[in-house]
């Protein structure tokens, strides 16, 4: 009876060690997966920031182009008004 009890304790110890190793392996794997996910999130964030910067630059260029066009149109209208005023005098 005592031998069976001792064998049971040894077997339980082996199972606990095996479970512990399995748990450690799974925890390590989960940590590795979390690190990969963090790397991917960082890359996605950097990509989104680059896209946002490119979009902002394009919007700034378009705003400058439209402002220049509007200024040119206003200058032409001012010239036309000055010419009309000069003809009426």
PDB file of N, CA and C in Angstrom:
ATOM      1  N   UNK A   1       0.830  -1.183   0.000  1.00  0.00           N
ATOM      2  CA  UNK A   1       0.000   0.000   0.000  1.00  0.00           C
ATOM      3  C   UNK A   1       0.874   1.246   0.000  1.00  0.00           C
ATOM      4  N   UNK A   2       1.907   1.179   0.815  1.00  0.00           N
ATOM      5  CA  UNK A   2       2.812   2.305   0.887  1.00  0.00           C
ATOM      6  C   UNK A   2       3.520   2.496  -0.453  1.00  0.00           C
ATOM      7  N   UNK A   3       3.840   1.435  -1.130  1.00  0.00           N
ATOM      8  CA  UNK A   3       4.491   1.508  -2.441  1.00  0.00           C
ATOM      9  C   UNK A   3       3.571   2.164  -3.462  1.00  0.00           C
ATOM     10  N   UNK A   4       2.291   1.805  -3.418  1.00  0.00           N
ATOM     11  CA  UNK A   4       1.340   2.411  -4.342  1.00  0.00           C
ATOM     12  C   UNK A   4       1.204   3.910  -4.086  1.00  0.00           C
ATOM     13  N   UNK A   5       1.189   4.274  -2.825  1.00  0.00           N
ATOM     14  CA  UNK A   5       1.096   5.684  -2.458  1.00  0.00           C
ATOM     15  C   UNK A   5       2.322   6.447  -2.968  1.00  0.00           C
ATOM     16  N   UNK A   6       3.488   5.857  -2.800  1.00  0.00           N
ATOM     17  CA  UNK A   6       4.727   6.473  -3.261  1.00  0.00           C
ATOM     18  C   UNK A   6       4.750   6.579  -4.786  1.00  0.00           C
ATOM     19  N   UNK A   7       4.301   5.541  -5.459  1.00  0.00           N
ATOM     20  CA  UNK A   7       4.233   5.572  -6.927  1.00  0.00           C
ATOM     21  C   UNK A   7       3.251   6.648  -7.378  1.00  0.00           C
ATOM     22  N   UNK A   8       2.137   6.759  -6.674  1.00  0.00           N
ATOM     23  CA  UNK A   8       1.142   7.790  -6.997  1.00  0.00           C
ATOM     24  C   UNK A   8       1.729   9.186  -6.832  1.00  0.00           C
ATOM     25  N   UNK A   9       2.499   9.415  -5.777  1.00  0.00           N
ATOM     26  CA  UNK A   9       3.119  10.719  -5.564  1.00  0.00           C
ATOM     27  C   UNK A   9       4.145  11.028  -6.655  1.00  0.00           C
ATOM     28  N   UNK A  10       4.935  10.042  -7.004  1.00  0.00           N
ATOM     29  CA  UNK A  10       5.926  10.238  -8.064  1.00  0.00           C
ATOM     30  C   UNK A  10       5.226  10.539  -9.389  1.00  0.00           C
ATOM     31  N   UNK A  11       4.188   9.771  -9.681  1.00  0.00           N
ATOM     32  CA  UNK A  11       3.447   9.994 -10.921  1.00  0.00           C
ATOM     33  C   UNK A  11       2.819  11.382 -10.927  1.00  0.00           C
ATOM     34  N   UNK A  12       2.269  11.806  -9.789  1.00  0.00           N
ATOM     35  CA  UNK A  12       1.676  13.142  -9.685  1.00  0.00           C
ATOM     36  C   UNK A  12       2.740  14.213  -9.894  1.00  0.00           C
ATOM     37  N   UNK A  13       3.908  14.003  -9.328  1.00  0.00           N
ATOM     38  CA  UNK A  13       5.008  14.956  -9.508  1.00  0.00           C
ATOM     39  C   UNK A  13       5.427  15.069 -10.963  1.00  0.00           C
ATOM     40  N   UNK A  14       5.498  13.928 -11.644  1.00  0.00           N
ATOM     41  CA  UNK A  14       5.866  13.936 -13.061  1.00  0.00           C
ATOM     42  C   UNK A  14       4.808  14.676 -13.877  1.00  0.00           C
ATOM     43  N   UNK A  15       3.544  14.425 -13.573  1.00  0.00           N
ATOM     44  CA  UNK A  15       2.453  15.101 -14.280  1.00  0.00           C
ATOM     45  C   UNK A  15       2.530  16.610 -14.038  1.00  0.00           C
ATOM     46  N   UNK A  16       2.788  17.018 -12.806  1.00  0.00           N
ATOM     47  CA  UNK A  16       2.889  18.447 -12.494  1.00  0.00           C
ATOM     48  C   UNK A  16       4.053  19.085 -13.224  1.00  0.00           C
ATOM     49  N   UNK A  17       5.178  18.404 -13.273  1.00  0.00           N
ATOM     50  CA  UNK A  17       6.336  18.933 -13.993  1.00  0.00           C
ATOM     51  C   UNK A  17       6.028  19.031 -15.475  1.00  0.00           C
ATOM     52  N   UNK A  18       5.398  18.006 -16.025  1.00  0.00           N
ATOM     53  CA  UNK A  18       5.034  18.017 -17.445  1.00  0.00           C
ATOM     54  C   UNK A  18       4.047  19.137 -17.731  1.00  0.00           C
ATOM     55  N   UNK A  19       3.063  19.303 -16.878  1.00  0.00           N
ATOM     56  CA  UNK A  19       2.093  20.381 -17.053  1.00  0.00           C
ATOM     57  C   UNK A  19       2.783  21.729 -16.925  1.00  0.00           C
ATOM     58  N   UNK A  20       3.682  21.820 -15.986  1.00  0.00           N
ATOM     59  CA  UNK A  20       4.400  23.063 -15.789  1.00  0.00           C
ATOM     60  C   UNK A  20       5.215  23.402 -17.029  1.00  0.00           C
ATOM     61  N   UNK A  21       5.888  22.414 -17.607  1.00  0.00           N
ATOM     62  CA  UNK A  21       6.665  22.653 -18.828  1.00  0.00           C
ATOM     63  C   UNK A  21       5.748  23.047 -19.972  1.00  0.00           C
ATOM     64  N   UNK A  22       4.607  22.359 -20.071  1.00  0.00           N
ATOM     65  CA  UNK A  22       3.646  22.683 -21.127  1.00  0.00           C
ATOM     66  C   UNK A  22       3.126  24.105 -20.929  1.00  0.00           C
ATOM     67  N   UNK A  23       2.821  24.461 -19.700  1.00  0.00           N
ATOM     68  CA  UNK A  23       2.338  25.804 -19.398  1.00  0.00           C
ATOM     69  C   UNK A  23       3.386  26.843 -19.751  1.00  0.00           C
ATOM     70  N   UNK A  24       4.646  26.551 -19.415  1.00  0.00           N
ATOM     71  CA  UNK A  24       5.719  27.484 -19.739  1.00  0.00           C
ATOM     72  C   UNK A  24       5.872  27.632 -21.248  1.00  0.00           C
ATOM     73  N   UNK A  25       5.778  26.523 -21.948  1.00  0.00           N
ATOM     74  CA  UNK A  25       5.895  26.568 -23.410  1.00  0.00           C
ATOM     75  C   UNK A  25       4.754  27.375 -24.010  1.00  0.00           C
ATOM     76  N   UNK A  26       3.547  27.130 -23.522  1.00  0.00           N
ATOM     77  CA  UNK A  26       2.388  27.870 -24.034  1.00  0.00           C
ATOM     78  C   UNK A  26       2.499  29.349 -23.698  1.00  0.00           C
ATOM     79  N   UNK A  27       2.967  29.665 -22.501  1.00  0.00           N
ATOM     80  CA  UNK A  27       3.130  31.069 -22.120  1.00  0.00           C
ATOM     81  C   UNK A  27       4.191  31.733 -22.989  1.00  0.00           C
ATOM     82  N   UNK A  28       5.264  31.012 -23.259  1.00  0.00           N
ATOM     83  CA  UNK A  28       6.314  31.550 -24.122  1.00  0.00           C
ATOM     84  C   UNK A  28       5.790  31.784 -25.537  1.00  0.00           C
ATOM     85  N   UNK A  29       5.026  30.836 -26.041  1.00  0.00           N
ATOM     86  CA  UNK A  29       4.443  30.967 -27.380  1.00  0.00           C
ATOM     87  C   UNK A  29       3.480  32.149 -27.423  1.00  0.00           C
ATOM     88  N   UNK A  30       2.677  32.279 -26.382  1.00  0.00           N
ATOM     89  CA  UNK A  30       1.743  33.403 -26.326  1.00  0.00           C
ATOM     90  C   UNK A  30       2.503  34.725 -26.291  1.00  0.00           C
ATOM     91  N   UNK A  31       3.596  34.758 -25.555  1.00  0.00           N
ATOM     92  CA  UNK A  31       4.427  35.964 -25.524  1.00  0.00           C
ATOM     93  C   UNK A  31       5.007  36.282 -26.890  1.00  0.00           C
ATOM     94  N   UNK A  32       5.460  35.245 -27.589  1.00  0.00           N
ATOM     95  CA  UNK A  32       5.992  35.446 -28.939  1.00  0.00           C
ATOM     96  C   UNK A  32       4.913  35.988 -29.875  1.00  0.00           C
ATOM     97  N   UNK A  33       3.715  35.443 -29.763  1.00  0.00           N
ATOM     98  CA  UNK A  33       2.609  35.912 -30.600  1.00  0.00           C
ATOM     99  C   UNK A  33       2.263  37.368 -30.278  1.00  0.00           C
ATOM    100  N   UNK A  34       2.294  37.697 -29.006  1.00  0.00           N
ATOM    101  CA  UNK A  34       2.006  39.080 -28.613  1.00  0.00           C
ATOM    102  C   UNK A  34       3.070  40.027 -29.174  1.00  0.00           C
ATOM    103  N   UNK A  35       4.326  39.601 -29.159  1.00  0.00           N
ATOM    104  CA  UNK A  35       5.399  40.432 -29.709  1.00  0.00           C
ATOM    105  C   UNK A  35       5.228  40.639 -31.204  1.00  0.00           C
ATOM    106  N   UNK A  36       4.849  39.579 -31.911  1.00  0.00           N
ATOM    107  CA  UNK A  36       4.618  39.696 -33.353  1.00  0.00           C
ATOM    108  C   UNK A  36       3.439  40.629 -33.623  1.00  0.00           C
ATOM    109  N   UNK A  37       2.380  40.482 -32.832  1.00  0.00           N
ATOM    110  CA  UNK A  37       1.219  41.356 -33.002  1.00  0.00           C
ATOM    111  C   UNK A  37       1.585  42.811 -32.735  1.00  0.00           C
ATOM    112  N   UNK A  38       2.404  43.052 -31.732  1.00  0.00           N
ATOM    113  CA  UNK A  38       2.846  44.420 -31.442  1.00  0.00           C
ATOM    114  C   UNK A  38       3.687  44.980 -32.585  1.00  0.00           C
ATOM    115  N   UNK A  39       4.547  44.144 -33.160  1.00  0.00           N
ATOM    116  CA  UNK A  39       5.341  44.579 -34.314  1.00  0.00           C
ATOM    117  C   UNK A  39       4.441  44.943 -35.488  1.00  0.00           C
ATOM    118  N   UNK A  40       3.442  44.115 -35.746  1.00  0.00           N
ATOM    119  CA  UNK A  40       2.510  44.390 -36.846  1.00  0.00           C
ATOM    120  C   UNK A  40       1.727  45.670 -36.578  1.00  0.00           C
ATOM    121  N   UNK A  41       1.298  45.859 -35.330  1.00  0.00           N
ATOM    122  CA  UNK A  41       0.563  47.079 -34.987  1.00  0.00           C
ATOM    123  C   UNK A  41       1.449  48.303 -35.176  1.00  0.00           C
ATOM    124  N   UNK A  42       2.709  48.175 -34.776  1.00  0.00           N
ATOM    125  CA  UNK A  42       3.637  49.292 -34.968  1.00  0.00           C
ATOM    126  C   UNK A  42       3.841  49.605 -36.440  1.00  0.00           C
ATOM    127  N   UNK A  43       3.979  48.577 -37.256  1.00  0.00           N
ATOM    128  CA  UNK A  43       4.154  48.781 -38.696  1.00  0.00           C
ATOM    129  C   UNK A  43       2.904  49.408 -39.310  1.00  0.00           C
ATOM    130  N   UNK A  44       1.738  48.953 -38.878  1.00  0.00           N
ATOM    131  CA  UNK A  44       0.489  49.514 -39.397  1.00  0.00           C
ATOM    132  C   UNK A  44       0.347  50.977 -38.989  1.00  0.00           C
ATOM    133  N   UNK A  45       0.747  51.295 -37.762  1.00  0.00           N
ATOM    134  CA  UNK A  45       0.682  52.678 -37.292  1.00  0.00           C
ATOM    135  C   UNK A  45       1.623  53.561 -38.100  1.00  0.00           C
ATOM    136  N   UNK A  46       2.830  53.078 -38.342  1.00  0.00           N
ATOM    137  CA  UNK A  46       3.796  53.847 -39.129  1.00  0.00           C
ATOM    138  C   UNK A  46       3.280  54.056 -40.553  1.00  0.00           C
ATOM    139  N   UNK A  47       2.693  53.021 -41.125  1.00  0.00           N
ATOM    140  CA  UNK A  47       2.142  53.131 -42.474  1.00  0.00           C
ATOM    141  C   UNK A  47       1.004  54.144 -42.519  1.00  0.00           C
ATOM    142  N   UNK A  48       0.145  54.084 -41.525  1.00  0.00           N
ATOM    143  CA  UNK A  48      -0.977  55.040 -41.470  1.00  0.00           C
ATOM    144  C   UNK A  48      -0.471  56.470 -41.304  1.00  0.00           C
ATOM    145  N   UNK A  49       0.564  56.643 -40.495  1.00  0.00           N
ATOM    146  CA  UNK A  49       1.142  57.982 -40.308  1.00  0.00           C
ATOM    147  C   UNK A  49       1.744  58.492 -41.615  1.00  0.00           C
ATOM    148  N   UNK A  50       2.436  57.620 -42.332  1.00  0.00           N
ATOM    149  CA  UNK A  50       3.000  58.017 -43.625  1.00  0.00           C
ATOM    150  C   UNK A  50       1.905  58.374 -44.621  1.00  0.00           C
ATOM    151  N   UNK A  51       0.840  57.575 -44.638  1.00  0.00           N
ATOM    152  CA  UNK A  51      -0.284  57.871 -45.529  1.00  0.00           C
ATOM    153  C   UNK A  51      -0.925  59.212 -45.170  1.00  0.00           C
ATOM    154  N   UNK A  52      -1.094  59.454 -43.878  1.00  0.00           N
ATOM    155  CA  UNK A  52      -1.691  60.718 -43.431  1.00  0.00           C
ATOM    156  C   UNK A  52      -0.811  61.899 -43.825  1.00  0.00           C
ATOM    157  N   UNK A  53       0.499  61.745 -43.672  1.00  0.00           N
ATOM    158  CA  UNK A  53       1.417  62.822 -44.055  1.00  0.00           C
ATOM    159  C   UNK A  53       1.344  63.084 -45.553  1.00  0.00           C
ATOM    160  N   UNK A  54       1.297  62.031 -46.348  1.00  0.00           N
ATOM    161  CA  UNK A  54       1.197  62.193 -47.794  1.00  0.00           C
ATOM    162  C   UNK A  54      -0.111  62.872 -48.178  1.00  0.00           C
ATOM    163  N   UNK A  55      -1.202  62.480 -47.519  1.00  0.00           N
ATOM    164  CA  UNK A  55      -2.505  63.092 -47.796  1.00  0.00           C
ATOM    165  C   UNK A  55      -2.511  64.561 -47.394  1.00  0.00           C
ATOM    166  N   UNK A  56      -1.890  64.862 -46.264  1.00  0.00           N
ATOM    167  CA  UNK A  56      -1.823  66.257 -45.814  1.00  0.00           C
ATOM    168  C   UNK A  56      -1.001  67.088 -46.795  1.00  0.00           C
ATOM    169  N   UNK A  57       0.097  66.532 -47.275  1.00  0.00           N
ATOM    170  CA  UNK A  57       0.921  67.251 -48.250  1.00  0.00           C
ATOM    171  C   UNK A  57       0.146  67.492 -49.538  1.00  0.00           C
ATOM    172  N   UNK A  58      -0.581  66.494 -49.990  1.00  0.00           N
ATOM    173  CA  UNK A  58      -1.382  66.644 -51.210  1.00  0.00           C
ATOM    174  C   UNK A  58      -2.475  67.692 -51.013  1.00  0.00           C
ATOM    175  N   UNK A  59      -3.106  67.690 -49.850  1.00  0.00           N
ATOM    176  CA  UNK A  59      -4.155  68.680 -49.565  1.00  0.00           C
ATOM    177  C   UNK A  59      -3.564  70.090 -49.513  1.00  0.00           C
ATOM    178  N   UNK A  60      -2.375  70.211 -48.931  1.00  0.00           N
ATOM    179  CA  UNK A  60      -1.710  71.515 -48.858  1.00  0.00           C
ATOM    180  C   UNK A  60      -1.372  72.010 -50.262  1.00  0.00           C
ATOM    181  N   UNK A  61      -0.856  71.122 -51.101  1.00  0.00           N
ATOM    182  CA  UNK A  61      -0.533  71.491 -52.483  1.00  0.00           C
ATOM    183  C   UNK A  61      -1.783  71.938 -53.241  1.00  0.00           C
ATOM    184  N   UNK A  62      -2.879  71.208 -53.055  1.00  0.00           N
ATOM    185  CA  UNK A  62      -4.133  71.559 -53.730  1.00  0.00           C
ATOM    186  C   UNK A  62      -4.666  72.904 -53.233  1.00  0.00           C
ATOM    187  N   UNK A  63      -4.572  73.132 -51.926  1.00  0.00           N
ATOM    188  CA  UNK A  63      -5.026  74.417 -51.372  1.00  0.00           C
ATOM    189  C   UNK A  63      -4.183  75.566 -51.921  1.00  0.00           C
ATOM    190  N   UNK A  64      -2.884  75.365 -52.024  1.00  0.00           N
ATOM    191  CA  UNK A  64      -2.007  76.410 -52.581  1.00  0.00           C
ATOM    192  C   UNK A  64      -2.348  76.668 -54.045  1.00  0.00           C
ATOM    193  N   UNK A  65      -2.601  75.608 -54.805  1.00  0.00           N
ATOM    194  CA  UNK A  65      -2.947  75.770 -56.223  1.00  0.00           C
ATOM    195  C   UNK A  65      -4.252  76.543 -56.372  1.00  0.00           C
ATOM    196  N   UNK A  66      -5.246  76.194 -55.559  1.00  0.00           N
ATOM    197  CA  UNK A  66      -6.539  76.885 -55.653  1.00  0.00           C
ATOM    198  C   UNK A  66      -6.438  78.336 -55.196  1.00  0.00           C
ATOM    199  N   UNK A  67      -5.634  78.577 -54.164  1.00  0.00           N
ATOM    200  CA  UNK A  67      -5.454  79.951 -53.687  1.00  0.00           C
ATOM    201  C   UNK A  67      -4.786  80.794 -54.760  1.00  0.00           C
ATOM    202  N   UNK A  68      -3.788  80.228 -55.412  1.00  0.00           N
ATOM    203  CA  UNK A  68      -3.108  80.931 -56.492  1.00  0.00           C
ATOM    204  C   UNK A  68      -4.061  81.229 -57.643  1.00  0.00           C
ATOM    205  N   UNK A  69      -4.886  80.261 -57.992  1.00  0.00           N
ATOM    206  CA  UNK A  69      -5.857  80.451 -59.071  1.00  0.00           C
ATOM    207  C   UNK A  69      -6.870  81.536 -58.699  1.00  0.00           C
ATOM    208  N   UNK A  70      -7.323  81.520 -57.459  1.00  0.00           N
ATOM    209  CA  UNK A  70      -8.285  82.532 -57.010  1.00  0.00           C
ATOM    210  C   UNK A  70      -7.651  83.918 -56.995  1.00  0.00           C
ATOM    211  N   UNK A  71      -6.384  83.990 -56.575  1.00  0.00           N
ATOM    212  CA  UNK A  71      -5.685  85.279 -56.566  1.00  0.00           C
ATOM    213  C   UNK A  71      -5.514  85.800 -57.990  1.00  0.00           C
ATOM    214  N   UNK A  72      -5.186  84.911 -58.918  1.00  0.00           N
ATOM    215  CA  UNK A  72      -5.061  85.318 -60.323  1.00  0.00           C
ATOM    216  C   UNK A  72      -6.378  85.823 -60.875  1.00  0.00           C
ATOM    217  N   UNK A  73      -7.458  85.132 -60.548  1.00  0.00           N
ATOM    218  CA  UNK A  73      -8.777  85.551 -61.013  1.00  0.00           C
ATOM    219  C   UNK A  73      -9.159  86.901 -60.423  1.00  0.00           C
ATOM    220  N   UNK A  74      -8.866  87.102 -59.145  1.00  0.00           N
ATOM    221  CA  UNK A  74      -9.166  88.386 -58.499  1.00  0.00           C
ATOM    222  C   UNK A  74      -8.342  89.504 -59.128  1.00  0.00           C
ATOM    223  N   UNK A  75      -7.096  89.222 -59.457  1.00  0.00           N
ATOM    224  CA  UNK A  75      -6.246  90.235 -60.091  1.00  0.00           C
ATOM    225  C   UNK A  75      -6.788  90.610 -61.469  1.00  0.00           C
ATOM    226  N   UNK A  76      -7.229  89.615 -62.234  1.00  0.00           N
ATOM    227  CA  UNK A  76      -7.793  89.892 -63.557  1.00  0.00           C
ATOM    228  C   UNK A  76      -9.062  90.725 -63.447  1.00  0.00           C
ATOM    229  N   UNK A  77      -9.902  90.401 -62.441  1.00  0.00           N
ATOM    230  CA  UNK A  77     -11.127  91.182 -62.251  1.00  0.00           C
ATOM    231  C   UNK A  77     -10.802  92.607 -61.815  1.00  0.00           C
ATOM    232  N   UNK A  78      -9.799  92.766 -60.980  1.00  0.00           N
ATOM    233  CA  UNK A  78      -9.398  94.100 -60.552  1.00  0.00           C
ATOM    234  C   UNK A  78      -8.871  94.905 -61.741  1.00  0.00           C
ATOM    235  N   UNK A  79      -8.098  94.251 -62.621  1.00  0.00           N
ATOM    236  CA  UNK A  79      -7.592  94.919 -63.822  1.00  0.00           C
ATOM    237  C   UNK A  79      -8.745  95.322 -64.740  1.00  0.00           C
ATOM    238  N   UNK A  80      -9.707  94.424 -64.891  1.00  0.00           N
ATOM    239  CA  UNK A  80     -10.852  94.706 -65.748  1.00  0.00           C
ATOM    240  C   UNK A  80     -11.655  95.873 -65.158  1.00  0.00           C
ATOM    241  N   UNK A  81     -11.819  95.894 -63.860  1.00  0.00           N
ATOM    242  CA  UNK A  81     -12.564  96.990 -63.236  1.00  0.00           C
ATOM    243  C   UNK A  81     -11.811  98.315 -63.391  1.00  0.00           C
ATOM    244  N   UNK A  82     -10.485  98.249 -63.258  1.00  0.00           N
ATOM    245  CA  UNK A  82      -9.690  99.476 -63.415  1.00  0.00           C
ATOM    246  C   UNK A  82      -9.748  99.959 -64.853  1.00  0.00           C
ATOM    247  N   UNK A  83      -9.715  99.032 -65.811  1.00  0.00           N
ATOM    248  CA  UNK A  83      -9.814  99.406 -67.217  1.00  0.00           C
ATOM    249  C   UNK A  83     -11.181 100.036 -67.509  1.00  0.00           C
ATOM    250  N   UNK A  84     -12.244  99.463 -66.941  1.00  0.00           N
ATOM    251  CA  UNK A  84     -13.591  99.992 -67.149  1.00  0.00           C
ATOM    252  C   UNK A  84     -13.719 101.367 -66.524  1.00  0.00           C
ATOM    253  N   UNK A  85     -13.126 101.544 -65.381  1.00  0.00           N
ATOM    254  CA  UNK A  85     -13.187 102.850 -64.712  1.00  0.00           C
ATOM    255  C   UNK A  85     -12.407 103.881 -65.512  1.00  0.00           C
ATOM    256  N   UNK A  86     -11.299 103.476 -66.099  1.00  0.00           N
ATOM    257  CA  UNK A  86     -10.484 104.404 -66.884  1.00  0.00           C
ATOM    258  C   UNK A  86     -11.219 104.816 -68.163  1.00  0.00           C
ATOM    259  N   UNK A  87     -11.997 103.942 -68.732  1.00  0.00           N
ATOM    260  CA  UNK A  87     -12.735 104.265 -69.962  1.00  0.00           C
ATOM    261  C   UNK A  87     -13.889 105.224 -69.684  1.00  0.00           C
ATOM    262  N   UNK A  88     -14.457 105.167 -68.495  1.00  0.00           N
ATOM    263  CA  UNK A  88     -15.611 106.033 -68.189  1.00  0.00           C
ATOM    264  C   UNK A  88     -15.146 107.448 -67.828  1.00  0.00           C
ATOM    265  N   UNK A  89     -13.915 107.659 -67.586  1.00  0.00           N
ATOM    266  CA  UNK A  89     -13.432 109.015 -67.231  1.00  0.00           C
ATOM    267  C   UNK A  89     -13.145 109.771 -68.444  1.00  0.00           C
TER     268      UNK A  89
END
